[in-house]
Protein backbone atom coordinates (compact mmCIF):
# COMPACT_ATOMS: atom_id res chain seq x y z
CA UNK A 1 181.49 113.54 -65.27
CA UNK A 2 183.47 115.73 -64.11
CA UNK A 3 182.56 117.11 -67.30
CA UNK A 4 178.93 117.72 -66.65
CA UNK A 5 179.78 118.70 -63.75
CA UNK A 6 182.44 121.77 -64.62
CA UNK A 7 179.87 122.75 -67.14
CA UNK A 8 176.70 123.20 -64.91
CA UNK A 9 178.73 125.05 -62.54
CA UNK A 10 180.45 127.15 -65.43
CA UNK A 11 176.09 127.67 -66.70
CA UNK A 12 175.38 128.54 -63.19
CA UNK A 13 177.72 131.41 -62.97
CA UNK A 14 177.05 132.86 -65.52
CA UNK A 15 173.42 133.42 -65.05
CA UNK A 16 174.15 135.00 -61.70
CA UNK A 17 176.83 136.90 -63.04
CA UNK A 18 173.65 138.05 -64.95
CA UNK A 19 171.31 138.44 -61.95
CA UNK A 20 174.27 140.73 -60.50
CA UNK A 21 174.79 142.85 -63.36
CA UNK A 22 170.93 143.38 -63.47
CA UNK A 23 171.05 143.92 -59.37
CA UNK A 24 173.85 146.40 -60.05
CA UNK A 25 171.65 148.14 -62.81
CA UNK A 26 168.78 148.71 -61.08
CA UNK A 27 170.18 149.54 -57.84
CA UNK A 28 171.76 152.65 -60.04
CA UNK A 29 168.26 153.67 -61.78
CA UNK A 30 168.85 152.02 -64.47
CA UNK A 31 168.56 148.35 -66.45
CA UNK A 32 169.15 147.10 -69.76
CA UNK A 33 165.73 146.37 -70.51
CA UNK A 34 165.28 150.15 -70.64
CA UNK A 35 168.02 151.18 -72.75
CA UNK A 36 169.74 152.60 -69.68
CA UNK A 37 166.43 154.36 -68.32
CA UNK A 38 166.28 155.93 -65.43
CA UNK A 39 163.65 154.99 -63.26
CA UNK A 40 163.69 157.97 -61.00
CA UNK A 41 160.69 160.81 -61.99
CA UNK A 42 162.22 163.38 -63.82
CA UNK A 43 163.14 166.93 -61.91
CA UNK A 44 160.69 169.60 -62.38
CA UNK A 45 160.85 173.21 -61.67
CA UNK A 46 158.30 173.92 -58.93
CA UNK A 47 155.56 175.17 -59.90
CA UNK A 48 154.68 179.29 -59.21
CA UNK A 49 152.37 179.93 -56.42
CA UNK A 50 149.22 180.95 -57.40
CA UNK A 51 148.13 184.48 -56.19
CA UNK A 52 145.22 185.22 -54.61
CA UNK A 53 143.62 189.05 -55.28
CA UNK A 54 143.04 191.56 -51.79
CA UNK A 55 139.19 190.89 -52.21
CA UNK A 56 139.53 187.26 -52.43
CA UNK A 57 141.94 187.09 -49.44
CA UNK A 58 139.60 189.64 -47.71
CA UNK A 59 136.44 186.83 -48.46
CA UNK A 60 138.62 184.31 -47.20
CA UNK A 61 139.93 185.90 -43.82
CA UNK A 62 136.36 187.25 -43.56
CA UNK A 63 134.93 183.63 -43.49
CA UNK A 64 137.31 182.21 -41.82
CA UNK A 65 136.68 184.63 -39.31
CA UNK A 66 132.97 183.93 -39.31
CA UNK A 67 133.79 179.87 -38.13
CA UNK A 68 136.17 180.86 -35.46
CA UNK A 69 133.52 183.55 -33.95
CA UNK A 70 130.77 180.34 -34.60
CA UNK A 71 133.44 178.27 -32.39
CA UNK A 72 133.74 180.00 -29.37
CA UNK A 73 130.40 180.93 -29.18
CA UNK A 74 129.48 177.22 -28.89
CA UNK A 75 132.54 176.43 -26.77
CA UNK A 76 130.65 179.75 -24.57
CA UNK A 77 127.42 177.64 -24.52
CA UNK A 78 128.77 174.46 -23.53
CA UNK A 79 130.64 175.63 -20.85
CA UNK A 80 128.25 176.63 -18.17
CA UNK A 81 126.23 173.50 -19.51
CA UNK A 82 129.14 171.81 -17.92
CA UNK A 83 129.68 173.47 -14.68
CA UNK A 84 126.04 172.69 -13.09
């Protein structure tokens, strides 16, 4: 009877060791199933910034100025109505 209990304990210890090994490898970023490959995304160099032409920057700036002018005009037109 004791042999049966000892065998069951040994089997459970083996399963626990296997589970511990798997968890230990995952925390390091590797796994046995993946052949030691890392789960983390590969580190790549940052992409260079795209350059705008002077004409494109000027067009964007003008368009933004027009947007702000429109917003300011709307604020001015609603401000006197709020005071009445």
